C-alpha atoms as a PDB file:
ATOM      1  CA  UNK A   1     -16.086   6.679  30.301  1.00  0.00           C
ATOM      2  CA  UNK A   2     -16.526   7.238  26.591  1.00  0.00           C
ATOM      3  CA  UNK A   3     -17.088   4.287  24.256  1.00  0.00           C
ATOM      4  CA  UNK A   4     -15.923   4.658  20.671  1.00  0.00           C
ATOM      5  CA  UNK A   5     -17.758   2.730  17.990  1.00  0.00           C
ATOM      6  CA  UNK A   6     -15.567   1.370  15.210  1.00  0.00           C
ATOM      7  CA  UNK A   7     -17.489   1.862  11.968  1.00  0.00           C
ATOM      8  CA  UNK A   8     -14.923  -0.065   9.914  1.00  0.00           C
ATOM      9  CA  UNK A   9     -14.268   2.859   7.590  1.00  0.00           C
ATOM     10  CA  UNK A  10     -10.722   3.254   6.359  1.00  0.00           C
ATOM     11  CA  UNK A  11      -8.796   6.484   5.989  1.00  0.00           C
ATOM     12  CA  UNK A  12      -7.763   8.023   2.715  1.00  0.00           C
ATOM     13  CA  UNK A  13      -4.150   6.923   3.333  1.00  0.00           C
ATOM     14  CA  UNK A  14      -5.280   3.288   3.360  1.00  0.00           C
ATOM     15  CA  UNK A  15      -6.870   3.550  -0.071  1.00  0.00           C
ATOM     16  CA  UNK A  16      -4.003   5.560  -1.564  1.00  0.00           C
ATOM     17  CA  UNK A  17      -1.588   2.961  -0.191  1.00  0.00           C
ATOM     18  CA  UNK A  18      -3.578   0.160  -1.787  1.00  0.00           C
ATOM     19  CA  UNK A  19      -3.578   2.021  -5.106  1.00  0.00           C
ATOM     20  CA  UNK A  20       0.196   2.417  -4.955  1.00  0.00           C
ATOM     21  CA  UNK A  21       0.548  -1.290  -4.135  1.00  0.00           C
ATOM     22  CA  UNK A  22      -1.519  -2.132  -7.228  1.00  0.00           C
ATOM     23  CA  UNK A  23       0.884  -0.052  -9.309  1.00  0.00           C
ATOM     24  CA  UNK A  24       3.814  -1.890  -7.659  1.00  0.00           C
ATOM     25  CA  UNK A  25       2.197  -5.213  -8.562  1.00  0.00           C
ATOM     26  CA  UNK A  26       1.810  -4.087 -12.173  1.00  0.00           C
ATOM     27  CA  UNK A  27       5.481  -3.155 -12.300  1.00  0.00           C
ATOM     28  CA  UNK A  28       6.288  -6.734 -11.272  1.00  0.00           C
ATOM     29  CA  UNK A  29       4.156  -8.093 -14.107  1.00  0.00           C
ATOM     30  CA  UNK A  30       6.057  -5.926 -16.594  1.00  0.00           C
ATOM     31  CA  UNK A  31       9.468  -6.134 -14.921  1.00  0.00           C
ATOM     32  CA  UNK A  32      11.065  -7.777 -17.979  1.00  0.00           C
ATOM     33  CA  UNK A  33      10.333  -4.973 -20.450  1.00  0.00           C
ATOM     34  CA  UNK A  34      10.852  -2.319 -17.779  1.00  0.00           C
ATOM     35  CA  UNK A  35      14.274  -3.676 -16.815  1.00  0.00           C
ATOM     36  CA  UNK A  36      15.312  -3.774 -20.479  1.00  0.00           C
ATOM     37  CA  UNK A  37      14.326  -0.133 -20.866  1.00  0.00           C
ATOM     38  CA  UNK A  38      15.411   1.286 -17.490  1.00  0.00           C
ATOM     39  CA  UNK A  39      17.909  -1.260 -16.188  1.00  0.00           C
ATOM     40  CA  UNK A  40      18.296  -1.389 -12.416  1.00  0.00           C
ATOM     41  CA  UNK A  41      16.007   1.643 -12.038  1.00  0.00           C
ATOM     42  CA  UNK A  42      12.983  -0.574 -12.721  1.00  0.00           C
ATOM     43  CA  UNK A  43      13.765  -2.565  -9.558  1.00  0.00           C
ATOM     44  CA  UNK A  44      14.410   0.649  -7.636  1.00  0.00           C
ATOM     45  CA  UNK A  45      11.026   1.969  -8.780  1.00  0.00           C
ATOM     46  CA  UNK A  46       9.318  -1.217  -7.615  1.00  0.00           C
ATOM     47  CA  UNK A  47      11.030  -1.078  -4.208  1.00  0.00           C
ATOM     48  CA  UNK A  48      10.052   2.561  -3.684  1.00  0.00           C
ATOM     49  CA  UNK A  49       6.433   1.928  -4.711  1.00  0.00           C
ATOM     50  CA  UNK A  50       6.156  -1.100  -2.419  1.00  0.00           C
ATOM     51  CA  UNK A  51       7.710   0.744   0.535  1.00  0.00           C
ATOM     52  CA  UNK A  52       5.505   3.832   0.159  1.00  0.00           C
ATOM     53  CA  UNK A  53       2.366   1.729  -0.348  1.00  0.00           C
ATOM     54  CA  UNK A  54       3.044  -0.394   2.722  1.00  0.00           C
ATOM     55  CA  UNK A  55       3.873   2.665   4.817  1.00  0.00           C
ATOM     56  CA  UNK A  56       0.556   4.283   3.884  1.00  0.00           C
ATOM     57  CA  UNK A  57      -1.447   1.110   4.532  1.00  0.00           C
ATOM     58  CA  UNK A  58       0.252   0.504   7.877  1.00  0.00           C
ATOM     59  CA  UNK A  59      -0.197   4.127   8.984  1.00  0.00           C
ATOM     60  CA  UNK A  60      -3.949   3.461   9.048  1.00  0.00           C
ATOM     61  CA  UNK A  61      -3.647   0.870  11.836  1.00  0.00           C
ATOM     62  CA  UNK A  62      -5.665   1.703  14.892  1.00  0.00           C
ATOM     63  CA  UNK A  63      -4.972   0.609  18.440  1.00  0.00           C
ATOM     64  CA  UNK A  64      -7.496  -2.203  18.511  1.00  0.00           C
ATOM     65  CA  UNK A  65      -8.776  -4.646  15.884  1.00  0.00           C
ATOM     66  CA  UNK A  66     -12.264  -4.165  14.459  1.00  0.00           C
ATOM     67  CA  UNK A  67     -15.087  -5.980  16.186  1.00  0.00           C
ATOM     68  CA  UNK A  68     -16.438  -9.113  14.458  1.00  0.00           C
ATOM     69  CA  UNK A  69     -19.750  -8.887  12.641  1.00  0.00           C
END
């Protein structure tokens, strides 16, 4: 029986997803000016960024939670 040690390192998708979620958060901060310039497309942009970011973060989930320190 092989025992796998969870080192707690995250994949590249996790960090890219977090970066995209930061950009989505920034679009919420500037939603007023963005919606004046782009109209409904500012909200569409935010929804797409949030969906892609969450998909990338959730794709990193492993089968079991990390062990406590």
